[in-house]
């Protein structure tokens, strides 16, 4: 690891431990959650997933009427659009026979290109699916990550691709590290590195240019 990336990771790990993220029972549930979490809080996603009961499966989603599916996922917001997005990503998964091992046999970059061509799947969603559902070493960048880089600061550049490359070039290319690092950033972002920072007790305070402001 680079000294900066390593120091931040170790500080967060010491505070929060190994978070074993993403919370889901199956890879497909991760995929569904990655689509549903777009532009909404995770609590709303949990409500939408709960509405499936024990029915959440690729076949159920493909066979469901679009209006009925939209009603199930209503708590996640933008439910008509997300119903179509969920069906689209499920059709992509169908191309691999809903077989996790078949997906994992494919090259990461090929899968990423395929996912980015799916309706409603952007870079964060694609990387979330690949990392959390299938265990590929691809770093996920979200608003918490960008905020962290700006405030410490870390010279990660601007835009999704630049920040993603910054972390991937400075860390061992391991899915477990990428997984836990992103989860740690999110947890610390919710606890401390909010839009209006709450710096008291933040494990990264000594590294952060905001430490003397708030």
Protein backbone atom coordinates (compact mmCIF):
# COMPACT_ATOMS: atom_id res chain seq x y z
CA UNK A 1 0.00 0.00 0.00
CA UNK A 2 1.07 3.61 -0.38
CA UNK A 3 1.88 5.16 2.96
CA UNK A 4 -1.14 7.47 2.81
CA UNK A 5 -3.63 4.83 1.71
CA UNK A 6 -2.20 2.37 4.23
CA UNK A 7 -2.30 4.86 7.10
CA UNK A 8 -5.94 5.77 6.43
CA UNK A 9 -6.96 2.13 6.11
CA UNK A 10 -5.20 1.10 9.32
CA UNK A 11 -6.72 4.00 11.27
CA UNK A 12 -10.22 3.12 10.11
CA UNK A 13 -9.69 -0.59 10.65
CA UNK A 14 -8.46 -0.01 14.19
CA UNK A 15 -11.61 1.97 14.99
CA UNK A 16 -14.31 -0.05 13.25
CA UNK A 17 -12.81 -3.48 12.62
CA UNK A 18 -13.59 -5.83 9.73
CA UNK A 19 -17.14 -4.95 8.68
CA UNK A 20 -17.89 -7.97 6.45
CA UNK A 21 -19.92 -5.85 4.02
CA UNK A 22 -22.33 -6.00 1.98
CA UNK A 23 -25.26 -7.20 4.09
CA UNK A 24 -27.08 -9.78 1.93
CA UNK A 25 -27.93 -13.47 1.91
CA UNK A 26 -27.21 -14.10 -1.78
CA UNK A 27 -25.19 -12.52 -4.61
CA UNK A 28 -28.44 -11.69 -6.38
CA UNK A 29 -29.67 -9.78 -3.34
CA UNK A 30 -26.48 -7.72 -3.58
CA UNK A 31 -27.20 -7.03 -7.23
CA UNK A 32 -30.74 -5.94 -6.44
CA UNK A 33 -29.55 -3.75 -3.58
CA UNK A 34 -26.92 -2.11 -5.78
CA UNK A 35 -29.64 -1.05 -8.22
CA UNK A 36 -32.16 -0.01 -5.60
CA UNK A 37 -29.72 2.09 -3.56
CA UNK A 38 -29.25 4.59 -6.37
CA UNK A 39 -30.30 8.06 -5.15
CA UNK A 40 -31.76 6.85 -1.87
CA UNK A 41 -30.79 5.91 1.68
CA UNK A 42 -30.02 2.30 2.52
CA UNK A 43 -32.92 2.17 4.97
CA UNK A 44 -35.29 2.63 2.05
CA UNK A 45 -33.59 -0.21 0.19
CA UNK A 46 -34.07 -2.50 3.18
CA UNK A 47 -37.80 -1.73 3.13
CA UNK A 48 -38.00 -2.48 -0.58
CA UNK A 49 -36.11 -5.76 -0.21
CA UNK A 50 -38.30 -6.74 2.72
CA UNK A 51 -41.35 -6.31 0.48
CA UNK A 52 -40.18 -9.27 -1.59
CA UNK A 53 -40.48 -11.57 1.39
CA UNK A 54 -38.96 -14.88 0.32
CA UNK A 55 -39.65 -14.19 -3.36
CA UNK A 56 -36.49 -12.28 -4.27
CA UNK A 57 -34.90 -14.26 -7.07
CA UNK A 58 -33.83 -13.61 -10.68
CA UNK A 59 -36.72 -15.66 -12.05
CA UNK A 60 -39.31 -13.84 -9.95
CA UNK A 61 -38.02 -10.45 -11.10
CA UNK A 62 -37.96 -11.45 -14.77
CA UNK A 63 -41.45 -12.96 -14.62
CA UNK A 64 -43.03 -10.17 -12.57
CA UNK A 65 -45.26 -7.60 -14.21
CA UNK A 66 -43.37 -4.29 -14.32
CA UNK A 67 -46.10 -2.44 -12.43
CA UNK A 68 -46.23 -5.10 -9.73
CA UNK A 69 -42.45 -5.06 -9.39
CA UNK A 70 -42.46 -1.27 -9.15
CA UNK A 71 -44.98 -1.47 -6.34
CA UNK A 72 -42.79 -3.93 -4.42
CA UNK A 73 -39.75 -1.64 -4.65
CA UNK A 74 -41.70 1.60 -4.11
CA UNK A 75 -39.87 2.45 -0.83
CA UNK A 76 -36.60 2.78 -2.75
CA UNK A 77 -37.92 5.69 -4.81
CA UNK A 78 -37.84 6.15 -8.59
CA UNK A 79 -39.60 2.80 -8.52
CA UNK A 80 -40.82 2.72 -12.13
CA UNK A 81 -37.32 3.36 -13.45
CA UNK A 82 -35.68 1.01 -10.98
CA UNK A 83 -38.08 -1.79 -11.87
CA UNK A 84 -36.81 -1.57 -15.44
CA UNK A 85 -33.20 -1.33 -14.30
CA UNK A 86 -33.59 -4.36 -12.07
CA UNK A 87 -35.08 -6.37 -14.90
CA UNK A 88 -32.24 -5.26 -17.20
CA UNK A 89 -29.45 -6.30 -14.85
CA UNK A 90 -31.27 -9.57 -14.19
CA UNK A 91 -31.38 -10.27 -17.94
CA UNK A 92 -27.60 -9.71 -17.97
CA UNK A 93 -27.27 -12.26 -15.17
CA UNK A 94 -29.49 -14.65 -17.10
CA UNK A 95 -26.83 -14.65 -19.83
CA UNK A 96 -24.67 -16.55 -17.36
CA UNK A 97 -27.44 -18.93 -16.36
CA UNK A 98 -27.76 -17.20 -12.96
CA UNK A 99 -24.54 -19.06 -12.13
CA UNK A 100 -22.13 -17.21 -9.83
CA UNK A 101 -19.25 -19.48 -10.78
CA UNK A 102 -19.85 -18.81 -14.49
CA UNK A 103 -19.59 -15.07 -13.88
CA UNK A 104 -16.44 -15.49 -11.82
CA UNK A 105 -14.73 -17.35 -14.66
CA UNK A 106 -14.92 -14.28 -16.88
CA UNK A 107 -12.33 -11.45 -16.99
CA UNK A 108 -13.18 -8.49 -14.76
CA UNK A 109 -12.88 -5.87 -17.48
CA UNK A 110 -15.18 -7.82 -19.82
CA UNK A 111 -17.85 -8.08 -17.14
CA UNK A 112 -17.50 -4.41 -16.27
CA UNK A 113 -17.98 -3.38 -19.89
CA UNK A 114 -21.06 -5.58 -20.12
CA UNK A 115 -22.59 -4.15 -16.95
CA UNK A 116 -21.92 -0.56 -18.00
CA UNK A 117 -23.89 -1.29 -21.18
CA UNK A 118 -26.91 -2.40 -19.13
CA UNK A 119 -29.68 0.15 -18.77
CA UNK A 120 -29.51 1.94 -15.43
CA UNK A 121 -26.07 0.64 -14.45
CA UNK A 122 -23.42 3.29 -13.88
CA UNK A 123 -19.87 2.90 -12.69
CA UNK A 124 -20.63 2.78 -8.96
CA UNK A 125 -23.40 0.22 -9.45
CA UNK A 126 -21.26 -1.93 -11.77
CA UNK A 127 -18.31 -1.93 -9.38
CA UNK A 128 -20.56 -2.65 -6.41
CA UNK A 129 -22.02 -5.68 -8.18
CA UNK A 130 -18.62 -6.97 -9.24
CA UNK A 131 -16.98 -6.46 -5.86
CA UNK A 132 -19.73 -7.35 -3.43
CA UNK A 133 -21.75 -9.92 -5.38
CA UNK A 134 -18.94 -11.70 -7.21
CA UNK A 135 -15.75 -10.92 -5.31
CA UNK A 136 -13.80 -9.16 -8.05
CA UNK A 137 -11.07 -6.70 -6.97
CA UNK A 138 -12.55 -3.46 -8.27
CA UNK A 139 -12.69 -0.41 -6.01
CA UNK A 140 -16.06 1.28 -5.45
CA UNK A 141 -16.15 5.08 -5.38
CA UNK A 142 -19.09 6.94 -3.88
CA UNK A 143 -19.81 10.37 -2.43
CA UNK A 144 -18.21 9.39 0.89
CA UNK A 145 -14.99 8.39 -0.89
CA UNK A 146 -14.80 11.64 -2.83
CA UNK A 147 -15.48 13.68 0.31
CA UNK A 148 -12.75 11.83 2.21
CA UNK A 149 -10.21 12.48 -0.53
CA UNK A 150 -11.04 16.18 -0.64
CA UNK A 151 -10.91 16.74 3.11
CA UNK A 152 -7.80 14.87 4.16
CA UNK A 153 -6.67 15.74 1.42
CA UNK A 154 -5.56 12.85 -0.77
CA UNK A 155 -4.24 13.70 -4.21
CA UNK A 156 -6.69 11.37 -5.93
CA UNK A 157 -7.66 13.65 -8.80
CA UNK A 158 -11.18 14.43 -9.97
CA UNK A 159 -13.93 12.17 -11.19
CA UNK A 160 -14.85 8.55 -10.63
CA UNK A 161 -12.14 6.98 -12.76
CA UNK A 162 -9.32 9.03 -11.26
CA UNK A 163 -10.31 8.26 -7.67
CA UNK A 164 -10.82 4.57 -8.47
CA UNK A 165 -7.38 4.37 -10.08
CA UNK A 166 -5.77 6.20 -7.16
CA UNK A 167 -6.89 3.56 -4.67
CA UNK A 168 -6.35 0.56 -6.95
CA UNK A 169 -2.79 1.65 -7.75
CA UNK A 170 -1.91 2.07 -4.06
CA UNK A 171 -3.47 -1.02 -2.53
CA UNK A 172 -2.93 -4.74 -2.94
CA UNK A 173 -5.35 -5.85 -5.63
CA UNK A 174 -7.48 -7.91 -3.27
CA UNK A 175 -11.25 -7.95 -3.10
CA UNK A 176 -11.27 -8.31 0.68
CA UNK A 177 -9.22 -5.13 1.14
CA UNK A 178 -11.25 -3.16 -1.43
CA UNK A 179 -14.44 -4.43 0.21
CA UNK A 180 -13.50 -3.51 3.75
CA UNK A 181 -11.85 -0.21 2.82
CA UNK A 182 -14.96 1.06 1.08
CA UNK A 183 -17.17 -0.13 3.93
CA UNK A 184 -14.93 1.64 6.45
CA UNK A 185 -15.08 4.88 4.46
CA UNK A 186 -18.89 4.70 4.38
CA UNK A 187 -19.20 4.02 8.11
CA UNK A 188 -16.80 6.83 9.00
CA UNK A 189 -18.61 9.10 6.56
CA UNK A 190 -21.88 8.49 8.36
CA UNK A 191 -20.32 8.87 11.81
CA UNK A 192 -18.01 11.82 11.24
CA UNK A 193 -17.28 12.91 7.67
CA UNK A 194 -20.78 14.18 6.95
CA UNK A 195 -21.65 17.12 4.73
CA UNK A 196 -21.20 19.18 7.90
CA UNK A 197 -18.36 17.32 9.60
CA UNK A 198 -18.55 16.01 13.12
CA UNK A 199 -14.81 15.83 13.76
CA UNK A 200 -14.82 15.07 17.49
CA UNK A 201 -13.52 11.53 17.94
CA UNK A 202 -12.90 10.95 14.23
CA UNK A 203 -10.04 8.45 13.79
CA UNK A 204 -8.75 10.48 10.84
CA UNK A 205 -8.77 13.86 12.56
CA UNK A 206 -4.98 14.17 12.70
CA UNK A 207 -4.78 13.67 8.93
CA UNK A 208 -7.60 16.04 8.02
CA UNK A 209 -7.39 19.69 6.99
CA UNK A 210 -10.84 20.23 8.58
CA UNK A 211 -9.55 19.43 12.06
CA UNK A 212 -9.06 23.09 12.98
CA UNK A 213 -12.30 24.25 11.39
CA UNK A 214 -14.94 22.17 13.20
